[in-house]
Amino acid sequence: MIKSKILGLTIVHNLGQGGMADDYYAENKLKRPAAIKILHASLSSQSEIKLRFENEAQIMVSLDHPNIRKVYDVAEID
């Protein structure tokens, strides 16, 4: 997954793994940092899990704290 490109971002390294998803540190072409959360492939076919994942992103959009990264987008890729 390292060096993969997703939505214009290049994955640099793994930040951690959870029960539902893996988190990665990524950068755009200008080296602006971003975090990418990728749902485990084994869960991506379950509509209830995908809805929960999207709901989490929606909740994160409403949070505003210097120690929490902003959520800018959610997308389904292949």
N, C-alpha and C. Protein backbone atom coordinates (compact mmCIF):
# COMPACT_ATOMS: atom_id res chain seq x y z
N MET A 1 0.82 -1.19 0.00
CA MET A 1 0.00 0.00 0.00
C MET A 1 0.87 1.26 0.00
N ILE A 2 2.07 1.19 0.57
CA ILE A 2 2.97 2.35 0.60
C ILE A 2 3.31 2.75 -0.82
N LYS A 3 3.35 4.04 -1.07
CA LYS A 3 3.59 4.66 -2.38
C LYS A 3 2.39 4.59 -3.31
N SER A 4 1.28 3.98 -2.86
CA SER A 4 0.05 3.96 -3.67
C SER A 4 -0.53 5.36 -3.71
N LYS A 5 -1.24 5.66 -4.79
CA LYS A 5 -1.90 6.95 -4.92
C LYS A 5 -3.41 6.75 -4.82
N ILE A 6 -4.02 7.55 -3.97
CA ILE A 6 -5.47 7.51 -3.78
C ILE A 6 -5.99 8.93 -3.77
N LEU A 7 -6.87 9.24 -4.71
CA LEU A 7 -7.50 10.56 -4.79
C LEU A 7 -6.48 11.70 -4.75
N GLY A 8 -5.37 11.53 -5.45
CA GLY A 8 -4.36 12.58 -5.52
C GLY A 8 -3.39 12.61 -4.36
N LEU A 9 -3.51 11.67 -3.44
CA LEU A 9 -2.62 11.60 -2.29
C LEU A 9 -1.72 10.37 -2.41
N THR A 10 -0.47 10.51 -2.00
CA THR A 10 0.47 9.39 -2.00
C THR A 10 0.61 8.87 -0.58
N ILE A 11 0.38 7.58 -0.40
CA ILE A 11 0.51 6.98 0.93
C ILE A 11 1.99 6.85 1.26
N VAL A 12 2.38 7.39 2.41
CA VAL A 12 3.79 7.40 2.83
C VAL A 12 4.08 6.27 3.82
N HIS A 13 3.24 6.13 4.85
CA HIS A 13 3.45 5.03 5.80
C HIS A 13 2.19 4.74 6.58
N ASN A 14 2.17 3.58 7.22
CA ASN A 14 1.05 3.14 8.01
C ASN A 14 1.07 3.84 9.37
N LEU A 15 -0.10 4.32 9.81
CA LEU A 15 -0.22 4.94 11.13
C LEU A 15 -0.73 3.96 12.17
N GLY A 16 -1.54 3.00 11.73
CA GLY A 16 -2.09 2.04 12.67
C GLY A 16 -3.16 1.19 12.04
N GLN A 17 -3.56 0.17 12.77
CA GLN A 17 -4.59 -0.74 12.31
C GLN A 17 -5.65 -0.89 13.38
N GLY A 18 -6.89 -0.94 12.93
CA GLY A 18 -7.99 -1.12 13.85
C GLY A 18 -8.86 -2.29 13.42
N GLY A 19 -9.94 -2.49 14.12
CA GLY A 19 -10.84 -3.58 13.81
C GLY A 19 -11.57 -3.43 12.49
N MET A 20 -11.82 -2.18 12.09
CA MET A 20 -12.56 -1.92 10.85
C MET A 20 -11.70 -1.41 9.71
N ALA A 21 -10.58 -0.75 10.03
CA ALA A 21 -9.84 -0.06 8.99
C ALA A 21 -8.37 0.10 9.35
N ASP A 22 -7.59 0.43 8.33
CA ASP A 22 -6.18 0.79 8.51
C ASP A 22 -6.04 2.28 8.26
N ASP A 23 -5.18 2.92 9.02
CA ASP A 23 -4.94 4.36 8.87
C ASP A 23 -3.54 4.58 8.30
N TYR A 24 -3.46 5.52 7.36
CA TYR A 24 -2.19 5.81 6.70
C TYR A 24 -1.90 7.31 6.71
N TYR A 25 -0.63 7.64 6.76
CA TYR A 25 -0.17 9.01 6.57
C TYR A 25 0.07 9.17 5.08
N ALA A 26 -0.45 10.24 4.52
CA ALA A 26 -0.29 10.50 3.08
C ALA A 26 0.01 11.97 2.86
N GLU A 27 0.45 12.29 1.66
CA GLU A 27 0.75 13.68 1.28
C GLU A 27 0.26 13.93 -0.13
N ASN A 28 -0.12 15.20 -0.38
CA ASN A 28 -0.45 15.56 -1.76
C ASN A 28 0.84 15.97 -2.47
N LYS A 29 0.73 16.46 -3.71
CA LYS A 29 1.91 16.84 -4.49
C LYS A 29 2.74 17.93 -3.83
N LEU A 30 2.10 18.75 -3.02
CA LEU A 30 2.80 19.85 -2.35
C LEU A 30 3.30 19.46 -0.97
N LYS A 31 3.24 18.16 -0.66
CA LYS A 31 3.69 17.62 0.63
C LYS A 31 2.79 18.01 1.80
N ARG A 32 1.56 18.42 1.49
CA ARG A 32 0.61 18.71 2.56
C ARG A 32 0.16 17.39 3.17
N PRO A 33 0.24 17.27 4.50
CA PRO A 33 -0.08 15.99 5.14
C PRO A 33 -1.59 15.71 5.18
N ALA A 34 -1.89 14.43 5.17
CA ALA A 34 -3.28 13.97 5.29
C ALA A 34 -3.27 12.58 5.90
N ALA A 35 -4.37 12.21 6.48
CA ALA A 35 -4.54 10.84 6.97
C ALA A 35 -5.62 10.19 6.12
N ILE A 36 -5.39 8.94 5.77
CA ILE A 36 -6.36 8.17 5.00
C ILE A 36 -6.75 6.96 5.81
N LYS A 37 -8.05 6.74 5.91
CA LYS A 37 -8.57 5.57 6.62
C LYS A 37 -9.21 4.66 5.58
N ILE A 38 -8.74 3.43 5.50
CA ILE A 38 -9.22 2.50 4.49
C ILE A 38 -9.90 1.31 5.17
N LEU A 39 -11.17 1.15 4.86
CA LEU A 39 -11.95 0.06 5.41
C LEU A 39 -11.37 -1.27 4.95
N HIS A 40 -11.30 -2.25 5.86
CA HIS A 40 -10.80 -3.57 5.49
C HIS A 40 -11.64 -4.14 4.35
N ALA A 41 -10.97 -4.74 3.37
CA ALA A 41 -11.66 -5.31 2.20
C ALA A 41 -12.71 -6.34 2.61
N SER A 42 -12.43 -7.09 3.66
CA SER A 42 -13.38 -8.12 4.11
C SER A 42 -14.69 -7.53 4.62
N LEU A 43 -14.69 -6.25 4.96
CA LEU A 43 -15.90 -5.59 5.48
C LEU A 43 -16.60 -4.72 4.44
N SER A 44 -15.93 -4.44 3.34
CA SER A 44 -16.44 -3.47 2.38
C SER A 44 -17.70 -3.92 1.65
N SER A 45 -18.02 -5.20 1.68
CA SER A 45 -19.24 -5.67 1.01
C SER A 45 -20.45 -5.63 1.94
N GLN A 46 -20.24 -5.31 3.20
CA GLN A 46 -21.34 -5.27 4.18
C GLN A 46 -21.90 -3.85 4.27
N SER A 47 -23.12 -3.67 3.78
CA SER A 47 -23.70 -2.32 3.70
C SER A 47 -23.83 -1.67 5.07
N GLU A 48 -24.12 -2.43 6.11
CA GLU A 48 -24.25 -1.85 7.46
C GLU A 48 -22.91 -1.30 7.95
N ILE A 49 -21.83 -2.00 7.66
CA ILE A 49 -20.50 -1.56 8.06
C ILE A 49 -20.11 -0.31 7.27
N LYS A 50 -20.38 -0.30 5.97
CA LYS A 50 -20.06 0.87 5.15
C LYS A 50 -20.83 2.10 5.64
N LEU A 51 -22.10 1.91 6.01
CA LEU A 51 -22.90 3.02 6.53
C LEU A 51 -22.32 3.53 7.84
N ARG A 52 -21.88 2.64 8.71
CA ARG A 52 -21.26 3.02 9.98
C ARG A 52 -19.97 3.81 9.73
N PHE A 53 -19.20 3.37 8.76
CA PHE A 53 -17.95 4.04 8.39
C PHE A 53 -18.22 5.46 7.89
N GLU A 54 -19.24 5.60 7.05
CA GLU A 54 -19.61 6.92 6.52
C GLU A 54 -20.19 7.81 7.62
N ASN A 55 -20.95 7.25 8.53
CA ASN A 55 -21.50 8.02 9.66
C ASN A 55 -20.37 8.55 10.53
N GLU A 56 -19.35 7.73 10.75
CA GLU A 56 -18.19 8.18 11.53
C GLU A 56 -17.54 9.39 10.85
N ALA A 57 -17.39 9.34 9.53
CA ALA A 57 -16.81 10.46 8.80
C ALA A 57 -17.68 11.71 8.95
N GLN A 58 -18.99 11.54 8.88
CA GLN A 58 -19.91 12.67 9.03
C GLN A 58 -19.80 13.30 10.41
N ILE A 59 -19.67 12.50 11.44
CA ILE A 59 -19.49 13.01 12.80
C ILE A 59 -18.17 13.77 12.91
N MET A 60 -17.12 13.21 12.32
CA MET A 60 -15.79 13.84 12.38
C MET A 60 -15.78 15.22 11.73
N VAL A 61 -16.60 15.42 10.70
CA VAL A 61 -16.68 16.72 10.03
C VAL A 61 -17.13 17.80 11.00
N SER A 62 -17.97 17.44 11.95
CA SER A 62 -18.51 18.44 12.88
C SER A 62 -17.56 18.77 14.03
N LEU A 63 -16.48 18.01 14.18
CA LEU A 63 -15.54 18.26 15.27
C LEU A 63 -14.52 19.32 14.88
N ASP A 64 -14.16 20.15 15.84
CA ASP A 64 -13.16 21.19 15.60
C ASP A 64 -12.23 21.26 16.80
N HIS A 65 -11.06 20.64 16.65
CA HIS A 65 -10.09 20.60 17.74
C HIS A 65 -8.69 20.51 17.12
N PRO A 66 -7.71 21.21 17.67
CA PRO A 66 -6.37 21.22 17.07
C PRO A 66 -5.69 19.85 17.04
N ASN A 67 -6.12 18.93 17.89
CA ASN A 67 -5.50 17.60 17.91
C ASN A 67 -6.27 16.56 17.10
N ILE A 68 -7.28 17.00 16.37
CA ILE A 68 -8.07 16.09 15.53
C ILE A 68 -7.97 16.58 14.09
N ARG A 69 -7.55 15.69 13.21
CA ARG A 69 -7.48 16.04 11.78
C ARG A 69 -8.88 16.25 11.22
N LYS A 70 -9.01 17.19 10.32
CA LYS A 70 -10.27 17.45 9.64
C LYS A 70 -10.57 16.34 8.64
N VAL A 71 -11.83 16.00 8.49
CA VAL A 71 -12.26 15.08 7.44
C VAL A 71 -12.70 15.93 6.27
N TYR A 72 -12.12 15.66 5.10
CA TYR A 72 -12.44 16.45 3.92
C TYR A 72 -13.26 15.69 2.90
N ASP A 73 -13.23 14.37 2.95
CA ASP A 73 -13.95 13.63 1.93
C ASP A 73 -14.10 12.18 2.36
N VAL A 74 -15.06 11.53 1.75
CA VAL A 74 -15.23 10.08 1.89
C VAL A 74 -15.52 9.58 0.48
N ALA A 75 -14.91 8.47 0.11
CA ALA A 75 -15.07 7.98 -1.25
C ALA A 75 -15.03 6.46 -1.25
N GLU A 76 -15.66 5.90 -2.27
CA GLU A 76 -15.60 4.45 -2.48
C GLU A 76 -14.78 4.23 -3.75
N ILE A 77 -13.75 3.41 -3.62
CA ILE A 77 -12.85 3.15 -4.75
C ILE A 77 -12.83 1.65 -4.98
N ASP A 78 -13.18 1.25 -6.18
CA ASP A 78 -13.20 -0.17 -6.57
C ASP A 78 -13.76 -1.03 -5.49
